[in-house]
Amino acid sequence: MTGFSSALLPMLGRATIETLLMVSVSTVLAGIAGLALGVLVVATERGGVLPAPRAHRVLGAAINVGRSIPFIILMVAIIPFTRLVVGTSIGTAAAIVPLVVGAIPYVARLAEAALKEVDRGVVEAVVTMGATPWQVVRRAYLPESVPALVRAVTLTAITLVGYSAMAGAVGGGGLGDVAIRYGYQRFRPDVMVMTVVVLVV
């Protein structure tokens, strides 16, 4: 146990910090982009504040395609884009790019569902007062959907913890990298157990 503690606990500590960094930054960026996309989907639907059925269908299809791509495949597929953005395809910073890209469609769909829960009476009241589409979003949709949006962000963060572990399989760093390199490849079940415990906690 002493050998385990002296050699691996500092590594687990660094990996935990890397995972927290990946998840927190990705959650914020994906939350902002996904919410904006969700607002556009709701606003452009038939009967929305900015009706555009064709744009609504295109956005919906793009979200569905994005959600259908397995994350591990997405990571590999956008390696050129990741290199373009951060200059490398390995490490914590590089892992954030596919995490954000993979989470945006997920957040957008959750945000769409949250915004659709808003009472139509509230929206119509704001529209009747002569509000612009942006004012309707800011004064009706967003304030009324805060609890559901908070739940969406929480679900996104939980999902990104799992995604970040998968990122370790392709050099993304964090706890997934420790589990693969030191737990699986070196046949160290104690490392695997500790990594799982930290991820769960």
Protein backbone atom coordinates (compact mmCIF):
# COMPACT_ATOMS: atom_id res chain seq x y z
CA MET A 1 0.00 0.00 0.00
CA THR A 2 2.93 2.32 0.79
CA GLY A 3 4.36 1.75 -2.69
CA PHE A 4 0.96 2.38 -4.21
CA SER A 5 0.51 5.61 -2.26
CA SER A 6 3.95 7.06 -2.95
CA ALA A 7 3.93 6.27 -6.66
CA LEU A 8 0.32 6.60 -7.75
CA LEU A 9 -1.54 8.93 -5.41
CA PRO A 10 0.24 12.05 -6.75
CA MET A 11 -0.49 10.83 -10.28
CA LEU A 12 -4.15 10.28 -9.42
CA GLY A 13 -4.25 13.76 -7.94
CA ARG A 14 -2.89 15.34 -11.13
CA ALA A 15 -5.21 13.22 -13.27
CA THR A 16 -8.19 14.26 -11.15
CA ILE A 17 -7.32 17.93 -11.63
CA GLU A 18 -6.98 17.36 -15.38
CA THR A 19 -10.38 15.64 -15.48
CA LEU A 20 -12.01 18.44 -13.49
CA LEU A 21 -10.48 20.99 -15.85
CA MET A 22 -11.68 19.14 -18.94
CA VAL A 23 -15.19 18.67 -17.58
CA SER A 24 -15.64 22.20 -16.21
CA VAL A 25 -14.35 24.03 -19.30
CA SER A 26 -16.24 21.72 -21.65
CA THR A 27 -19.46 22.09 -19.66
CA VAL A 28 -19.28 25.89 -19.79
CA LEU A 29 -18.44 26.09 -23.50
CA ALA A 30 -20.87 23.37 -24.57
CA GLY A 31 -23.53 24.87 -22.30
CA ILE A 32 -23.28 28.27 -23.96
CA ALA A 33 -23.18 26.92 -27.52
CA GLY A 34 -25.79 24.24 -26.88
CA LEU A 35 -28.20 26.69 -25.24
CA ALA A 36 -27.85 29.07 -28.19
CA LEU A 37 -28.55 26.21 -30.60
CA GLY A 38 -31.52 25.05 -28.51
CA VAL A 39 -32.95 28.57 -28.51
CA LEU A 40 -32.62 28.71 -32.31
CA VAL A 41 -34.41 25.37 -32.69
CA VAL A 42 -37.33 26.51 -30.53
CA ALA A 43 -37.48 29.99 -32.07
CA THR A 44 -37.51 28.75 -35.67
CA GLU A 45 -40.17 26.08 -35.25
CA ARG A 46 -43.63 26.62 -36.70
CA GLY A 47 -45.41 29.00 -34.35
CA GLY A 48 -42.14 30.14 -32.75
CA VAL A 49 -40.99 33.72 -32.25
CA LEU A 50 -38.84 33.53 -35.39
CA PRO A 51 -40.56 30.91 -37.57
CA ALA A 52 -38.34 29.36 -40.25
CA PRO A 53 -39.43 25.75 -40.85
CA ARG A 54 -36.59 24.97 -43.25
CA ALA A 55 -33.92 26.23 -40.85
CA HIS A 56 -35.68 24.37 -38.04
CA ARG A 57 -35.47 21.10 -39.97
CA VAL A 58 -31.80 21.64 -40.82
CA LEU A 59 -30.90 22.43 -37.21
CA GLY A 60 -32.86 19.44 -35.94
CA ALA A 61 -31.16 17.12 -38.43
CA ALA A 62 -27.72 18.46 -37.51
CA ILE A 63 -28.40 17.86 -33.81
CA ASN A 64 -29.63 14.33 -34.49
CA VAL A 65 -26.54 13.52 -36.56
CA GLY A 66 -24.26 14.96 -33.88
CA ARG A 67 -25.90 12.93 -31.15
CA SER A 68 -25.69 9.71 -33.15
CA ILE A 69 -21.88 9.74 -33.52
CA PRO A 70 -20.09 7.69 -30.83
CA PHE A 71 -17.72 9.94 -28.89
CA ILE A 72 -14.60 7.83 -29.41
CA ILE A 73 -15.15 7.99 -33.19
CA LEU A 74 -15.83 11.72 -33.03
CA MET A 75 -12.54 12.28 -31.20
CA VAL A 76 -10.56 10.55 -33.92
CA ALA A 77 -12.56 12.10 -36.78
CA ILE A 78 -11.94 15.70 -35.71
CA ILE A 79 -8.23 15.34 -34.89
CA PRO A 80 -7.32 17.74 -37.76
CA PHE A 81 -9.77 20.32 -36.37
CA THR A 82 -8.38 19.81 -32.86
CA ARG A 83 -4.84 20.41 -34.12
CA LEU A 84 -6.04 23.53 -35.92
CA VAL A 85 -7.62 24.92 -32.74
CA VAL A 86 -5.04 24.05 -30.06
CA GLY A 87 -1.99 23.01 -32.08
CA THR A 88 -1.90 19.41 -30.85
CA SER A 89 -4.12 16.34 -30.71
CA ILE A 90 -2.98 14.98 -27.33
CA GLY A 91 -3.25 16.31 -23.81
CA THR A 92 -5.89 17.98 -21.70
CA ALA A 93 -6.35 21.06 -23.90
CA ALA A 94 -6.75 18.88 -26.99
CA ALA A 95 -9.36 16.71 -25.27
CA ILE A 96 -11.53 19.74 -24.51
CA VAL A 97 -12.22 20.35 -28.21
CA PRO A 98 -13.98 17.02 -28.97
CA LEU A 99 -15.64 17.12 -25.55
CA VAL A 100 -17.25 20.44 -26.44
CA VAL A 101 -18.14 19.36 -29.99
CA GLY A 102 -19.64 16.10 -28.73
CA ALA A 103 -21.64 17.75 -25.95
CA ILE A 104 -23.15 20.62 -27.96
CA PRO A 105 -25.87 18.50 -29.67
CA TYR A 106 -26.66 16.85 -26.33
CA VAL A 107 -27.05 20.21 -24.57
CA ALA A 108 -29.04 21.62 -27.49
CA ARG A 109 -31.62 18.85 -27.28
CA LEU A 110 -31.90 19.18 -23.50
CA ALA A 111 -32.21 22.97 -23.82
CA GLU A 112 -34.89 22.57 -26.49
CA ALA A 113 -36.90 20.32 -24.19
CA ALA A 114 -36.48 22.76 -21.29
CA LEU A 115 -37.58 25.76 -23.36
CA LYS A 116 -40.62 23.91 -24.69
CA GLU A 117 -41.81 23.42 -21.11
CA VAL A 118 -42.34 27.17 -20.76
CA ASP A 119 -46.00 28.13 -20.50
CA ARG A 120 -47.21 29.46 -23.84
CA GLY A 121 -49.30 32.02 -22.00
CA VAL A 122 -46.16 33.67 -20.63
CA VAL A 123 -44.58 33.79 -24.08
CA GLU A 124 -47.72 35.20 -25.69
CA ALA A 125 -48.01 37.85 -22.99
CA VAL A 126 -44.48 39.08 -23.72
CA VAL A 127 -45.14 39.00 -27.48
CA THR A 128 -48.35 41.01 -26.98
CA MET A 129 -46.31 43.72 -25.26
CA GLY A 130 -44.42 44.23 -28.53
CA ALA A 131 -41.22 42.45 -27.58
CA THR A 132 -38.69 41.50 -30.22
CA PRO A 133 -37.75 37.81 -30.65
CA TRP A 134 -34.59 38.32 -28.58
CA GLN A 135 -36.60 40.05 -25.83
CA VAL A 136 -39.05 37.14 -25.80
CA VAL A 137 -36.16 34.74 -25.29
CA ARG A 138 -34.57 36.91 -22.60
CA ARG A 139 -37.75 37.82 -20.71
CA ALA A 140 -39.85 34.68 -21.11
CA TYR A 141 -38.03 31.57 -22.27
CA LEU A 142 -34.80 31.82 -20.27
CA PRO A 143 -36.17 32.98 -16.88
CA GLU A 144 -39.03 30.48 -16.95
CA SER A 145 -36.82 27.53 -17.89
CA VAL A 146 -33.97 28.07 -15.40
CA PRO A 147 -34.71 24.97 -13.24
CA ALA A 148 -34.86 22.68 -16.28
CA LEU A 149 -31.72 24.28 -17.74
CA VAL A 150 -29.85 23.71 -14.48
CA ARG A 151 -30.83 20.04 -14.65
CA ALA A 152 -29.61 19.95 -18.25
CA VAL A 153 -26.23 21.39 -17.28
CA THR A 154 -25.92 18.86 -14.46
CA LEU A 155 -26.68 15.96 -16.81
CA THR A 156 -24.17 17.36 -19.29
CA ALA A 157 -21.42 17.53 -16.66
CA ILE A 158 -22.11 13.93 -15.63
CA THR A 159 -22.00 12.81 -19.26
CA LEU A 160 -18.75 14.68 -19.83
CA VAL A 161 -17.11 12.87 -16.92
CA GLY A 162 -17.69 9.64 -18.84
CA TYR A 163 -16.53 11.21 -22.10
CA SER A 164 -13.36 12.50 -20.44
CA ALA A 165 -12.53 8.98 -19.30
CA MET A 166 -12.85 7.79 -22.90
CA ALA A 167 -10.59 10.64 -23.99
CA GLY A 168 -7.79 8.99 -22.02
CA ALA A 169 -7.81 6.11 -24.50
CA VAL A 170 -6.40 8.40 -27.20
CA GLY A 171 -4.00 10.48 -25.13
CA GLY A 172 -6.46 12.95 -23.65
CA GLY A 173 -5.00 12.79 -20.16
CA GLY A 174 -7.00 12.70 -16.96
CA LEU A 175 -8.24 9.68 -15.03
CA GLY A 176 -9.05 7.73 -18.19
CA ASP A 177 -5.41 7.93 -19.26
CA VAL A 178 -4.23 6.65 -15.86
CA ALA A 179 -6.74 3.79 -15.97
CA ILE A 180 -5.65 2.73 -19.46
CA ARG A 181 -1.88 3.11 -19.10
CA TYR A 182 -1.35 2.02 -15.51
CA GLY A 183 -4.42 -0.06 -14.77
CA TYR A 184 -5.22 -1.94 -17.97
CA GLN A 185 -1.91 -2.09 -19.87
CA ARG A 186 0.17 -2.88 -16.77
CA PHE A 187 -2.39 -5.25 -15.26
CA ARG A 188 -2.89 -3.21 -12.08
CA PRO A 189 -6.45 -3.84 -10.84
CA ASP A 190 -5.76 -1.66 -7.79
CA VAL A 191 -5.20 1.33 -10.08
CA MET A 192 -8.39 0.55 -11.99
CA VAL A 193 -10.37 0.34 -8.76
CA MET A 194 -8.96 3.61 -7.44
CA THR A 195 -9.69 5.36 -10.73
CA VAL A 196 -13.27 4.11 -10.78
CA VAL A 197 -13.75 5.21 -7.17
CA VAL A 198 -12.49 8.72 -7.93
CA LEU A 199 -14.69 8.97 -11.05
CA VAL A 200 -17.78 7.84 -9.14
CA VAL A 201 -17.11 10.22 -6.25
